[in-house]
Amino acid sequence: MRGLPVRAAEARNYVHDLLHGTGSPVDDLALVDALLVTTELVTNAQRHGGGLTGFTAEIVDGYLELAVDDKSERRPTAPARRDPDATGGYGWPLIQRLARTIDIVVTATGKTIRVTLPL
């Protein structure tokens, strides 16, 4: 991908094309999970992380590896109790449930969240 995605949809399209270009079939559920996690990570960086500063996606040993950088050092959290009338609050728990691994590293300019997803 050249440059950073401006919208989550651009990152999602990139991952979609990456997974379809592997030459190997990708399970439909794995594809949906990968696109959902991509959307959530990029959206969270834009909404809560001060803006997206980096994005990479690659396939390594049968896993999709995503890395999303943003400007905030603050780690994502899920609300302890969710107001039923509130919007949002589902993304981070969803990422935690779907990702095989999650690594969060504070950087000089914010943080990087790296996840792996089984294909």
PDB file of N, CA and C in Angstrom:
ATOM      1  N   MET A   1       0.850  -1.175   0.000  1.00  0.00           N
ATOM      2  CA  MET A   1       0.000   0.000   0.000  1.00  0.00           C
ATOM      3  C   MET A   1       0.894   1.236   0.000  1.00  0.00           C
ATOM      4  N   ARG A   2       0.613   2.138  -0.875  1.00  0.00           N
ATOM      5  CA  ARG A   2       1.370   3.388  -0.923  1.00  0.00           C
ATOM      6  C   ARG A   2       0.715   4.401  -0.013  1.00  0.00           C
ATOM      7  N   GLY A   3       1.490   4.949   0.901  1.00  0.00           N
ATOM      8  CA  GLY A   3       0.955   5.939   1.817  1.00  0.00           C
ATOM      9  C   GLY A   3       0.025   5.319   2.834  1.00  0.00           C
ATOM     10  N   LEU A   4      -0.522   6.164   3.651  1.00  0.00           N
ATOM     11  CA  LEU A   4      -1.459   5.715   4.682  1.00  0.00           C
ATOM     12  C   LEU A   4      -2.880   5.731   4.155  1.00  0.00           C
ATOM     13  N   PRO A   5      -3.681   4.787   4.611  1.00  0.00           N
ATOM     14  CA  PRO A   5      -5.092   4.864   4.245  1.00  0.00           C
ATOM     15  C   PRO A   5      -5.725   6.087   4.905  1.00  0.00           C
ATOM     16  N   VAL A   6      -6.542   6.787   4.171  1.00  0.00           N
ATOM     17  CA  VAL A   6      -7.239   7.950   4.721  1.00  0.00           C
ATOM     18  C   VAL A   6      -8.465   7.488   5.504  1.00  0.00           C
ATOM     19  N   ARG A   7      -9.088   6.434   5.001  1.00  0.00           N
ATOM     20  CA  ARG A   7     -10.288   5.886   5.651  1.00  0.00           C
ATOM     21  C   ARG A   7     -10.066   4.407   5.943  1.00  0.00           C
ATOM     22  N   ALA A   8     -10.823   3.902   6.892  1.00  0.00           N
ATOM     23  CA  ALA A   8     -10.749   2.480   7.226  1.00  0.00           C
ATOM     24  C   ALA A   8     -11.079   1.618   6.009  1.00  0.00           C
ATOM     25  N   ALA A   9     -11.964   2.088   5.152  1.00  0.00           N
ATOM     26  CA  ALA A   9     -12.348   1.327   3.965  1.00  0.00           C
ATOM     27  C   ALA A   9     -11.154   1.079   3.049  1.00  0.00           C
ATOM     28  N   GLU A  10     -10.234   2.034   2.955  1.00  0.00           N
ATOM     29  CA  GLU A  10      -9.045   1.846   2.130  1.00  0.00           C
ATOM     30  C   GLU A  10      -8.154   0.742   2.697  1.00  0.00           C
ATOM     31  N   ALA A  11      -7.968   0.733   4.003  1.00  0.00           N
ATOM     32  CA  ALA A  11      -7.178  -0.316   4.646  1.00  0.00           C
ATOM     33  C   ALA A  11      -7.859  -1.667   4.462  1.00  0.00           C
ATOM     34  N   ARG A  12      -9.146  -1.689   4.629  1.00  0.00           N
ATOM     35  CA  ARG A  12      -9.926  -2.930   4.463  1.00  0.00           C
ATOM     36  C   ARG A  12      -9.806  -3.448   3.029  1.00  0.00           C
ATOM     37  N   ASN A  13      -9.893  -2.578   2.036  1.00  0.00           N
ATOM     38  CA  ASN A  13      -9.749  -2.989   0.642  1.00  0.00           C
ATOM     39  C   ASN A  13      -8.353  -3.537   0.364  1.00  0.00           C
ATOM     40  N   TYR A  14      -7.349  -2.918   0.964  1.00  0.00           N
ATOM     41  CA  TYR A  14      -5.982  -3.391   0.793  1.00  0.00           C
ATOM     42  C   TYR A  14      -5.839  -4.816   1.345  1.00  0.00           C
ATOM     43  N   VAL A  15      -6.370  -5.051   2.549  1.00  0.00           N
ATOM     44  CA  VAL A  15      -6.292  -6.379   3.162  1.00  0.00           C
ATOM     45  C   VAL A  15      -7.080  -7.387   2.333  1.00  0.00           C
ATOM     46  N   HIS A  16      -8.236  -6.997   1.857  1.00  0.00           N
ATOM     47  CA  HIS A  16      -9.045  -7.877   1.004  1.00  0.00           C
ATOM     48  C   HIS A  16      -8.237  -8.315  -0.220  1.00  0.00           C
ATOM     49  N   ASP A  17      -7.627  -7.356  -0.905  1.00  0.00           N
ATOM     50  CA  ASP A  17      -6.836  -7.666  -2.096  1.00  0.00           C
ATOM     51  C   ASP A  17      -5.609  -8.507  -1.747  1.00  0.00           C
ATOM     52  N   LEU A  18      -4.972  -8.207  -0.621  1.00  0.00           N
ATOM     53  CA  LEU A  18      -3.817  -8.980  -0.169  1.00  0.00           C
ATOM     54  C   LEU A  18      -4.194 -10.444   0.043  1.00  0.00           C
ATOM     55  N   LEU A  19      -5.310 -10.675   0.732  1.00  0.00           N
ATOM     56  CA  LEU A  19      -5.722 -12.047   1.035  1.00  0.00           C
ATOM     57  C   LEU A  19      -6.177 -12.790  -0.217  1.00  0.00           C
ATOM     58  N   HIS A  20      -6.801 -12.101  -1.153  1.00  0.00           N
ATOM     59  CA  HIS A  20      -7.225 -12.757  -2.391  1.00  0.00           C
ATOM     60  C   HIS A  20      -6.071 -12.972  -3.353  1.00  0.00           C
ATOM     61  N   GLY A  21      -4.970 -12.266  -3.146  1.00  0.00           N
ATOM     62  CA  GLY A  21      -3.825 -12.410  -4.028  1.00  0.00           C
ATOM     63  C   GLY A  21      -2.801 -13.430  -3.557  1.00  0.00           C
ATOM     64  N   THR A  22      -3.138 -14.203  -2.527  1.00  0.00           N
ATOM     65  CA  THR A  22      -2.174 -15.154  -1.972  1.00  0.00           C
ATOM     66  C   THR A  22      -1.962 -16.367  -2.856  1.00  0.00           C
ATOM     67  N   GLY A  23      -2.902 -16.668  -3.728  1.00  0.00           N
ATOM     68  CA  GLY A  23      -2.817 -17.879  -4.522  1.00  0.00           C
ATOM     69  C   GLY A  23      -3.376 -19.088  -3.809  1.00  0.00           C
ATOM     70  N   SER A  24      -3.663 -18.928  -2.534  1.00  0.00           N
ATOM     71  CA  SER A  24      -4.282 -19.994  -1.742  1.00  0.00           C
ATOM     72  C   SER A  24      -5.650 -19.523  -1.294  1.00  0.00           C
ATOM     73  N   PRO A  25      -6.612 -20.436  -1.237  1.00  0.00           N
ATOM     74  CA  PRO A  25      -7.932 -20.017  -0.777  1.00  0.00           C
ATOM     75  C   PRO A  25      -7.900 -19.585   0.688  1.00  0.00           C
ATOM     76  N   VAL A  26      -8.632 -18.528   0.987  1.00  0.00           N
ATOM     77  CA  VAL A  26      -8.763 -18.044   2.358  1.00  0.00           C
ATOM     78  C   VAL A  26     -10.189 -18.327   2.804  1.00  0.00           C
ATOM     79  N   ASP A  27     -10.310 -18.960   3.950  1.00  0.00           N
ATOM     80  CA  ASP A  27     -11.609 -19.280   4.525  1.00  0.00           C
ATOM     81  C   ASP A  27     -12.467 -18.019   4.615  1.00  0.00           C
ATOM     82  N   ASP A  28     -13.753 -18.123   4.274  1.00  0.00           N
ATOM     83  CA  ASP A  28     -14.649 -16.956   4.297  1.00  0.00           C
ATOM     84  C   ASP A  28     -14.715 -16.306   5.671  1.00  0.00           C
ATOM     85  N   LEU A  29     -14.782 -17.111   6.727  1.00  0.00           N
ATOM     86  CA  LEU A  29     -14.859 -16.554   8.074  1.00  0.00           C
ATOM     87  C   LEU A  29     -13.556 -15.836   8.436  1.00  0.00           C
ATOM     88  N   ALA A  30     -12.428 -16.400   8.049  1.00  0.00           N
ATOM     89  CA  ALA A  30     -11.139 -15.753   8.306  1.00  0.00           C
ATOM     90  C   ALA A  30     -11.057 -14.416   7.571  1.00  0.00           C
ATOM     91  N   LEU A  31     -11.576 -14.366   6.353  1.00  0.00           N
ATOM     92  CA  LEU A  31     -11.594 -13.122   5.585  1.00  0.00           C
ATOM     93  C   LEU A  31     -12.436 -12.066   6.285  1.00  0.00           C
ATOM     94  N   VAL A  32     -13.617 -12.441   6.705  1.00  0.00           N
ATOM     95  CA  VAL A  32     -14.507 -11.494   7.395  1.00  0.00           C
ATOM     96  C   VAL A  32     -13.861 -11.003   8.687  1.00  0.00           C
ATOM     97  N   ASP A  33     -13.264 -11.912   9.452  1.00  0.00           N
ATOM     98  CA  ASP A  33     -12.592 -11.520  10.695  1.00  0.00           C
ATOM     99  C   ASP A  33     -11.453 -10.542  10.408  1.00  0.00           C
ATOM    100  N   ALA A  34     -10.653 -10.825   9.374  1.00  0.00           N
ATOM    101  CA  ALA A  34      -9.528  -9.959   9.039  1.00  0.00           C
ATOM    102  C   ALA A  34     -10.001  -8.563   8.646  1.00  0.00           C
ATOM    103  N   LEU A  35     -11.061  -8.493   7.868  1.00  0.00           N
ATOM    104  CA  LEU A  35     -11.580  -7.194   7.436  1.00  0.00           C
ATOM    105  C   LEU A  35     -12.176  -6.423   8.606  1.00  0.00           C
ATOM    106  N   LEU A  36     -12.848  -7.124   9.493  1.00  0.00           N
ATOM    107  CA  LEU A  36     -13.435  -6.483  10.674  1.00  0.00           C
ATOM    108  C   LEU A  36     -12.354  -5.929  11.601  1.00  0.00           C
ATOM    109  N   VAL A  37     -11.336  -6.722  11.876  1.00  0.00           N
ATOM    110  CA  VAL A  37     -10.255  -6.266  12.754  1.00  0.00           C
ATOM    111  C   VAL A  37      -9.501  -5.100  12.116  1.00  0.00           C
ATOM    112  N   THR A  38      -9.262  -5.164  10.827  1.00  0.00           N
ATOM    113  CA  THR A  38      -8.607  -4.056  10.122  1.00  0.00           C
ATOM    114  C   THR A  38      -9.406  -2.772  10.297  1.00  0.00           C
ATOM    115  N   THR A  39     -10.697  -2.859  10.061  1.00  0.00           N
ATOM    116  CA  THR A  39     -11.570  -1.691  10.189  1.00  0.00           C
ATOM    117  C   THR A  39     -11.528  -1.125  11.601  1.00  0.00           C
ATOM    118  N   GLU A  40     -11.626  -1.990  12.594  1.00  0.00           N
ATOM    119  CA  GLU A  40     -11.637  -1.538  13.985  1.00  0.00           C
ATOM    120  C   GLU A  40     -10.318  -0.892  14.382  1.00  0.00           C
ATOM    121  N   LEU A  41      -9.197  -1.506  14.011  1.00  0.00           N
ATOM    122  CA  LEU A  41      -7.897  -0.936  14.387  1.00  0.00           C
ATOM    123  C   LEU A  41      -7.680   0.438  13.769  1.00  0.00           C
ATOM    124  N   VAL A  42      -7.987   0.569  12.499  1.00  0.00           N
ATOM    125  CA  VAL A  42      -7.784   1.857  11.821  1.00  0.00           C
ATOM    126  C   VAL A  42      -8.757   2.906  12.362  1.00  0.00           C
ATOM    127  N   THR A  43      -9.998   2.524  12.540  1.00  0.00           N
ATOM    128  CA  THR A  43     -10.994   3.456  13.078  1.00  0.00           C
ATOM    129  C   THR A  43     -10.622   3.911  14.480  1.00  0.00           C
ATOM    130  N   ASN A  44     -10.183   2.985  15.326  1.00  0.00           N
ATOM    131  CA  ASN A  44      -9.779   3.348  16.686  1.00  0.00           C
ATOM    132  C   ASN A  44      -8.580   4.285  16.685  1.00  0.00           C
ATOM    133  N   ALA A  45      -7.621   4.054  15.782  1.00  0.00           N
ATOM    134  CA  ALA A  45      -6.464   4.950  15.695  1.00  0.00           C
ATOM    135  C   ALA A  45      -6.911   6.356  15.321  1.00  0.00           C
ATOM    136  N   GLN A  46      -7.878   6.444  14.415  1.00  0.00           N
ATOM    137  CA  GLN A  46      -8.356   7.749  13.977  1.00  0.00           C
ATOM    138  C   GLN A  46      -9.209   8.434  15.049  1.00  0.00           C
ATOM    139  N   ARG A  47     -10.061   7.681  15.708  1.00  0.00           N
ATOM    140  CA  ARG A  47     -10.986   8.281  16.684  1.00  0.00           C
ATOM    141  C   ARG A  47     -10.375   8.511  18.056  1.00  0.00           C
ATOM    142  N   HIS A  48      -9.551   7.564  18.509  1.00  0.00           N
ATOM    143  CA  HIS A  48      -9.069   7.604  19.885  1.00  0.00           C
ATOM    144  C   HIS A  48      -7.560   7.770  20.014  1.00  0.00           C
ATOM    145  N   GLY A  49      -6.825   7.590  18.923  1.00  0.00           N
ATOM    146  CA  GLY A  49      -5.368   7.591  18.996  1.00  0.00           C
ATOM    147  C   GLY A  49      -4.701   8.832  18.436  1.00  0.00           C
ATOM    148  N   GLY A  50      -5.467   9.853  18.155  1.00  0.00           N
ATOM    149  CA  GLY A  50      -4.873  11.089  17.648  1.00  0.00           C
ATOM    150  C   GLY A  50      -4.545  11.061  16.166  1.00  0.00           C
ATOM    151  N   GLY A  51      -4.924   9.991  15.493  1.00  0.00           N
ATOM    152  CA  GLY A  51      -4.700   9.895  14.058  1.00  0.00           C
ATOM    153  C   GLY A  51      -3.789   8.736  13.696  1.00  0.00           C
ATOM    154  N   LEU A  52      -4.021   8.177  12.556  1.00  0.00           N
ATOM    155  CA  LEU A  52      -3.248   7.060  12.036  1.00  0.00           C
ATOM    156  C   LEU A  52      -1.906   7.569  11.517  1.00  0.00           C
ATOM    157  N   THR A  53      -0.804   6.946  11.967  1.00  0.00           N
ATOM    158  CA  THR A  53       0.524   7.353  11.504  1.00  0.00           C
ATOM    159  C   THR A  53       1.263   6.229  10.785  1.00  0.00           C
ATOM    160  N   GLY A  54       0.716   5.024  10.813  1.00  0.00           N
ATOM    161  CA  GLY A  54       1.350   3.913  10.118  1.00  0.00           C
ATOM    162  C   GLY A  54       0.383   2.758   9.967  1.00  0.00           C
ATOM    163  N   PHE A  55       0.543   1.995   8.881  1.00  0.00           N
ATOM    164  CA  PHE A  55      -0.302   0.829   8.628  1.00  0.00           C
ATOM    165  C   PHE A  55       0.463  -0.162   7.770  1.00  0.00           C
ATOM    166  N   THR A  56       0.548  -1.395   8.228  1.00  0.00           N
ATOM    167  CA  THR A  56       1.125  -2.460   7.411  1.00  0.00           C
ATOM    168  C   THR A  56       0.269  -3.708   7.554  1.00  0.00           C
ATOM    169  N   ALA A  57       0.262  -4.501   6.510  1.00  0.00           N
ATOM    170  CA  ALA A  57      -0.435  -5.791   6.505  1.00  0.00           C
ATOM    171  C   ALA A  57       0.381  -6.738   5.651  1.00  0.00           C
ATOM    172  N   GLU A  58       0.631  -7.926   6.191  1.00  0.00           N
ATOM    173  CA  GLU A  58       1.349  -8.929   5.423  1.00  0.00           C
ATOM    174  C   GLU A  58       0.955 -10.313   5.898  1.00  0.00           C
ATOM    175  N   ILE A  59       1.185 -11.279   5.042  1.00  0.00           N
ATOM    176  CA  ILE A  59       0.892 -12.666   5.376  1.00  0.00           C
ATOM    177  C   ILE A  59       2.207 -13.351   5.720  1.00  0.00           C
ATOM    178  N   VAL A  60       2.239 -13.966   6.903  1.00  0.00           N
ATOM    179  CA  VAL A  60       3.433 -14.655   7.378  1.00  0.00           C
ATOM    180  C   VAL A  60       3.016 -15.993   7.971  1.00  0.00           C
ATOM    181  N   ASP A  61       3.502 -17.062   7.377  1.00  0.00           N
ATOM    182  CA  ASP A  61       3.269 -18.417   7.903  1.00  0.00           C
ATOM    183  C   ASP A  61       1.799 -18.721   8.181  1.00  0.00           C
ATOM    184  N   GLY A  62       0.924 -18.367   7.266  1.00  0.00           N
ATOM    185  CA  GLY A  62      -0.488 -18.676   7.417  1.00  0.00           C
ATOM    186  C   GLY A  62      -1.268 -17.742   8.319  1.00  0.00           C
ATOM    187  N   TYR A  63      -0.661 -16.635   8.689  1.00  0.00           N
ATOM    188  CA  TYR A  63      -1.326 -15.630   9.524  1.00  0.00           C
ATOM    189  C   TYR A  63      -1.289 -14.279   8.825  1.00  0.00           C
ATOM    190  N   LEU A  64      -2.318 -13.495   9.051  1.00  0.00           N
ATOM    191  CA  LEU A  64      -2.298 -12.100   8.638  1.00  0.00           C
ATOM    192  C   LEU A  64      -1.709 -11.315   9.798  1.00  0.00           C
ATOM    193  N   GLU A  65      -0.674 -10.542   9.523  1.00  0.00           N
ATOM    194  CA  GLU A  65      -0.092  -9.663  10.529  1.00  0.00           C
ATOM    195  C   GLU A  65      -0.451  -8.227  10.169  1.00  0.00           C
ATOM    196  N   LEU A  66      -1.123  -7.555  11.093  1.00  0.00           N
ATOM    197  CA  LEU A  66      -1.504  -6.152  10.934  1.00  0.00           C
ATOM    198  C   LEU A  66      -0.750  -5.326  11.963  1.00  0.00           C
ATOM    199  N   ALA A  67      -0.276  -4.166  11.561  1.00  0.00           N
ATOM    200  CA  ALA A  67       0.321  -3.219  12.490  1.00  0.00           C
ATOM    201  C   ALA A  67      -0.266  -1.846  12.199  1.00  0.00           C
ATOM    202  N   VAL A  68      -0.770  -1.219  13.242  1.00  0.00           N
ATOM    203  CA  VAL A  68      -1.379   0.104  13.129  1.00  0.00           C
ATOM    204  C   VAL A  68      -0.697   1.022  14.137  1.00  0.00           C
ATOM    205  N   ASP A  69      -0.194   2.149  13.652  1.00  0.00           N
ATOM    206  CA  ASP A  69       0.471   3.141  14.495  1.00  0.00           C
ATOM    207  C   ASP A  69      -0.433   4.353  14.644  1.00  0.00           C
ATOM    208  N   ASP A  70      -0.416   4.934  15.850  1.00  0.00           N
ATOM    209  CA  ASP A  70      -1.140   6.193  16.054  1.00  0.00           C
ATOM    210  C   ASP A  70      -0.330   7.109  16.952  1.00  0.00           C
ATOM    211  N   LYS A  71      -0.864   8.277  17.238  1.00  0.00           N
ATOM    212  CA  LYS A  71      -0.137   9.321  17.960  1.00  0.00           C
ATOM    213  C   LYS A  71      -0.274   9.260  19.475  1.00  0.00           C
ATOM    214  N   SER A  72      -1.055   8.331  19.995  1.00  0.00           N
ATOM    215  CA  SER A  72      -1.308   8.272  21.433  1.00  0.00           C
ATOM    216  C   SER A  72      -0.535   7.137  22.088  1.00  0.00           C
ATOM    217  N   GLU A  73       0.004   7.387  23.269  1.00  0.00           N
ATOM    218  CA  GLU A  73       0.655   6.332  24.049  1.00  0.00           C
ATOM    219  C   GLU A  73      -0.362   5.531  24.864  1.00  0.00           C
ATOM    220  N   ARG A  74      -1.588   6.006  24.925  1.00  0.00           N
ATOM    221  CA  ARG A  74      -2.623   5.367  25.748  1.00  0.00           C
ATOM    222  C   ARG A  74      -3.036   4.027  25.150  1.00  0.00           C
ATOM    223  N   ARG A  75      -3.043   2.996  25.988  1.00  0.00           N
ATOM    224  CA  ARG A  75      -3.454   1.661  25.562  1.00  0.00           C
ATOM    225  C   ARG A  75      -4.975   1.608  25.446  1.00  0.00           C
ATOM    226  N   PRO A  76      -5.467   0.843  24.483  1.00  0.00           N
ATOM    227  CA  PRO A  76      -6.928   0.711  24.359  1.00  0.00           C
ATOM    228  C   PRO A  76      -7.508  -0.025  25.553  1.00  0.00           C
ATOM    229  N   THR A  77      -8.723   0.341  25.901  1.00  0.00           N
ATOM    230  CA  THR A  77      -9.428  -0.324  26.990  1.00  0.00           C
ATOM    231  C   THR A  77     -10.876  -0.533  26.573  1.00  0.00           C
ATOM    232  N   ALA A  78     -11.496  -1.477  27.232  1.00  0.00           N
ATOM    233  CA  ALA A  78     -12.928  -1.702  27.041  1.00  0.00           C
ATOM    234  C   ALA A  78     -13.643  -1.155  28.267  1.00  0.00           C
ATOM    235  N   PRO A  79     -14.808  -0.574  28.084  1.00  0.00           N
ATOM    236  CA  PRO A  79     -15.532  -0.058  29.244  1.00  0.00           C
ATOM    237  C   PRO A  79     -15.897  -1.196  30.203  1.00  0.00           C
ATOM    238  N   ALA A  80     -15.760  -0.928  31.504  1.00  0.00           N
ATOM    239  CA  ALA A  80     -16.114  -1.938  32.511  1.00  0.00           C
ATOM    240  C   ALA A  80     -17.606  -2.258  32.437  1.00  0.00           C
ATOM    241  N   ARG A  81     -18.400  -1.220  32.324  1.00  0.00           N
ATOM    242  CA  ARG A  81     -19.845  -1.368  32.129  1.00  0.00           C
ATOM    243  C   ARG A  81     -20.236  -0.523  30.953  1.00  0.00           C
ATOM    244  N   ARG A  82     -21.044  -1.076  30.125  1.00  0.00           N
ATOM    245  CA  ARG A  82     -21.447  -0.380  28.910  1.00  0.00           C
ATOM    246  C   ARG A  82     -22.857   0.148  29.056  1.00  0.00           C
ATOM    247  N   ASP A  83     -23.038   1.425  28.756  1.00  0.00           N
ATOM    248  CA  ASP A  83     -24.363   2.035  28.740  1.00  0.00           C
ATOM    249  C   ASP A  83     -25.101   1.490  27.521  1.00  0.00           C
ATOM    250  N   PRO A  84     -26.277   0.859  27.717  1.00  0.00           N
ATOM    251  CA  PRO A  84     -26.983   0.270  26.578  1.00  0.00           C
ATOM    252  C   PRO A  84     -27.419   1.291  25.527  1.00  0.00           C
ATOM    253  N   ASP A  85     -27.477   2.568  25.895  1.00  0.00           N
ATOM    254  CA  ASP A  85     -27.866   3.608  24.946  1.00  0.00           C
ATOM    255  C   ASP A  85     -26.668   4.243  24.244  1.00  0.00           C
ATOM    256  N   ALA A  86     -25.464   3.877  24.663  1.00  0.00           N
ATOM    257  CA  ALA A  86     -24.260   4.469  24.077  1.00  0.00           C
ATOM    258  C   ALA A  86     -23.905   3.771  22.772  1.00  0.00           C
ATOM    259  N   THR A  87     -23.240   4.510  21.911  1.00  0.00           N
ATOM    260  CA  THR A  87     -22.718   3.901  20.684  1.00  0.00           C
ATOM    261  C   THR A  87     -21.243   3.586  20.905  1.00  0.00           C
ATOM    262  N   GLY A  88     -20.769   2.563  20.264  1.00  0.00           N
ATOM    263  CA  GLY A  88     -19.365   2.209  20.377  1.00  0.00           C
ATOM    264  C   GLY A  88     -19.078   1.344  21.587  1.00  0.00           C
ATOM    265  N   GLY A  89     -17.789   1.073  21.785  1.00  0.00           N
ATOM    266  CA  GLY A  89     -17.358   0.272  22.915  1.00  0.00           C
ATOM    267  C   GLY A  89     -17.217  -1.213  22.615  1.00  0.00           C
ATOM    268  N   TYR A  90     -17.509  -1.606  21.384  1.00  0.00           N
ATOM    269  CA  TYR A  90     -17.429  -3.026  21.027  1.00  0.00           C
ATOM    270  C   TYR A  90     -16.124  -3.393  20.331  1.00  0.00           C
ATOM    271  N   GLY A  91     -15.441  -2.426  19.746  1.00  0.00           N
ATOM    272  CA  GLY A  91     -14.300  -2.694  18.882  1.00  0.00           C
ATOM    273  C   GLY A  91     -13.138  -3.396  19.553  1.00  0.00           C
ATOM    274  N   TRP A  92     -12.638  -2.863  20.665  1.00  0.00           N
ATOM    275  CA  TRP A  92     -11.476  -3.457  21.296  1.00  0.00           C
ATOM    276  C   TRP A  92     -11.760  -4.874  21.808  1.00  0.00           C
ATOM    277  N   PRO A  93     -12.884  -5.123  22.485  1.00  0.00           N
ATOM    278  CA  PRO A  93     -13.177  -6.509  22.888  1.00  0.00           C
ATOM    279  C   PRO A  93     -13.279  -7.459  21.686  1.00  0.00           C
ATOM    280  N   LEU A  94     -13.792  -6.960  20.586  1.00  0.00           N
ATOM    281  CA  LEU A  94     -13.889  -7.774  19.375  1.00  0.00           C
ATOM    282  C   LEU A  94     -12.497  -8.120  18.844  1.00  0.00           C
ATOM    283  N   ILE A  95     -11.611  -7.148  18.799  1.00  0.00           N
ATOM    284  CA  ILE A  95     -10.237  -7.386  18.366  1.00  0.00           C
ATOM    285  C   ILE A  95      -9.580  -8.416  19.279  1.00  0.00           C
ATOM    286  N   GLN A  96      -9.760  -8.268  20.581  1.00  0.00           N
ATOM    287  CA  GLN A  96      -9.171  -9.201  21.537  1.00  0.00           C
ATOM    288  C   GLN A  96      -9.693 -10.625  21.326  1.00  0.00           C
ATOM    289  N   ARG A  97     -10.927 -10.750  20.974  1.00  0.00           N
ATOM    290  CA  ARG A  97     -11.519 -12.070  20.774  1.00  0.00           C
ATOM    291  C   ARG A  97     -11.040 -12.724  19.474  1.00  0.00           C
ATOM    292  N   LEU A  98     -10.874 -11.950  18.423  1.00  0.00           N
ATOM    293  CA  LEU A  98     -10.559 -12.512  17.107  1.00  0.00           C
ATOM    294  C   LEU A  98      -9.063 -12.696  16.840  1.00  0.00           C
ATOM    295  N   ALA A  99      -8.227 -11.873  17.450  1.00  0.00           N
ATOM    296  CA  ALA A  99      -6.790 -11.936  17.177  1.00  0.00           C
ATOM    297  C   ALA A  99      -6.133 -13.098  17.908  1.00  0.00           C
ATOM    298  N   ARG A 100      -5.203 -13.722  17.237  1.00  0.00           N
ATOM    299  CA  ARG A 100      -4.415 -14.798  17.854  1.00  0.00           C
ATOM    300  C   ARG A 100      -3.421 -14.202  18.849  1.00  0.00           C
ATOM    301  N   THR A 101      -2.762 -13.110  18.428  1.00  0.00           N
ATOM    302  CA  THR A 101      -1.837 -12.403  19.316  1.00  0.00           C
ATOM    303  C   THR A 101      -2.063 -10.904  19.180  1.00  0.00           C
ATOM    304  N   ILE A 102      -1.779 -10.190  20.255  1.00  0.00           N
ATOM    305  CA  ILE A 102      -1.840  -8.724  20.273  1.00  0.00           C
ATOM    306  C   ILE A 102      -0.604  -8.226  20.992  1.00  0.00           C
ATOM    307  N   ASP A 103       0.081  -7.286  20.378  1.00  0.00           N
ATOM    308  CA  ASP A 103       1.263  -6.687  20.979  1.00  0.00           C
ATOM    309  C   ASP A 103       1.125  -5.177  20.850  1.00  0.00           C
ATOM    310  N   ILE A 104       1.267  -4.483  21.968  1.00  0.00           N
ATOM    311  CA  ILE A 104       1.177  -3.019  21.968  1.00  0.00           C
ATOM    312  C   ILE A 104       2.509  -2.469  22.439  1.00  0.00           C
ATOM    313  N   VAL A 105       3.127  -1.630  21.602  1.00  0.00           N
ATOM    314  CA  VAL A 105       4.437  -1.067  21.910  1.00  0.00           C
ATOM    315  C   VAL A 105       4.331   0.449  21.879  1.00  0.00           C
ATOM    316  N   VAL A 106       4.752   1.080  22.971  1.00  0.00           N
ATOM    317  CA  VAL A 106       4.831   2.542  23.001  1.00  0.00           C
ATOM    318  C   VAL A 106       6.069   2.943  22.219  1.00  0.00           C
ATOM    319  N   THR A 107       5.898   3.926  21.342  1.00  0.00           N
ATOM    320  CA  THR A 107       6.987   4.399  20.490  1.00  0.00           C
ATOM    321  C   THR A 107       7.303   5.854  20.828  1.00  0.00           C
ATOM    322  N   ALA A 108       8.274   6.402  20.176  1.00  0.00           N
ATOM    323  CA  ALA A 108       8.647   7.806  20.393  1.00  0.00           C
ATOM    324  C   ALA A 108       7.535   8.756  19.954  1.00  0.00           C
ATOM    325  N   THR A 109       6.661   8.298  19.061  1.00  0.00           N
ATOM    326  CA  THR A 109       5.610   9.166  18.530  1.00  0.00           C
ATOM    327  C   THR A 109       4.205   8.712  18.894  1.00  0.00           C
ATOM    328  N   GLY A 110       4.054   7.700  19.723  1.00  0.00           N
ATOM    329  CA  GLY A 110       2.722   7.204  20.105  1.00  0.00           C
ATOM    330  C   GLY A 110       2.781   5.731  20.443  1.00  0.00           C
ATOM    331  N   LYS A 111       2.101   4.902  19.655  1.00  0.00           N
ATOM    332  CA  LYS A 111       2.124   3.461  19.897  1.00  0.00           C
ATOM    333  C   LYS A 111       1.882   2.708  18.603  1.00  0.00           C
ATOM    334  N   THR A 112       2.257   1.440  18.631  1.00  0.00           N
ATOM    335  CA  THR A 112       1.969   0.496  17.561  1.00  0.00           C
ATOM    336  C   THR A 112       1.180  -0.662  18.150  1.00  0.00           C
ATOM    337  N   ILE A 113       0.083  -0.996  17.522  1.00  0.00           N
ATOM    338  CA  ILE A 113      -0.672  -2.193  17.890  1.00  0.00           C
ATOM    339  C   ILE A 113      -0.480  -3.191  16.758  1.00  0.00           C
ATOM    340  N   ARG A 114       0.081  -4.346  17.119  1.00  0.00           N
ATOM    341  CA  ARG A 114       0.339  -5.407  16.124  1.00  0.00           C
ATOM    342  C   ARG A 114      -0.498  -6.611  16.520  1.00  0.00           C
ATOM    343  N   VAL A 115      -1.242  -7.122  15.564  1.00  0.00           N
ATOM    344  CA  VAL A 115      -2.071  -8.311  15.798  1.00  0.00           C
ATOM    345  C   VAL A 115      -1.793  -9.349  14.728  1.00  0.00           C
ATOM    346  N   THR A 116      -2.011 -10.611  15.084  1.00  0.00           N
ATOM    347  CA  THR A 116      -1.975 -11.684  14.098  1.00  0.00           C
ATOM    348  C   THR A 116      -3.330 -12.369  14.105  1.00  0.00           C
ATOM    349  N   LEU A 117      -3.750 -12.752  12.929  1.00  0.00           N
ATOM    350  CA  LEU A 117      -5.036 -13.422  12.744  1.00  0.00           C
ATOM    351  C   LEU A 117      -4.823 -14.692  11.922  1.00  0.00           C
ATOM    352  N   PRO A 118      -5.367 -15.796  12.380  1.00  0.00           N
ATOM    353  CA  PRO A 118      -5.219 -17.040  11.601  1.00  0.00           C
ATOM    354  C   PRO A 118      -5.999 -16.955  10.290  1.00  0.00           C
ATOM    355  N   LEU A 119      -5.411 -17.542   9.266  1.00  0.00           N
ATOM    356  CA  LEU A 119      -6.085 -17.590   7.977  1.00  0.00           C
ATOM    357  C   LEU A 119      -6.542 -19.008   7.711  1.00  0.00           C
TER     358      LEU A 119
END
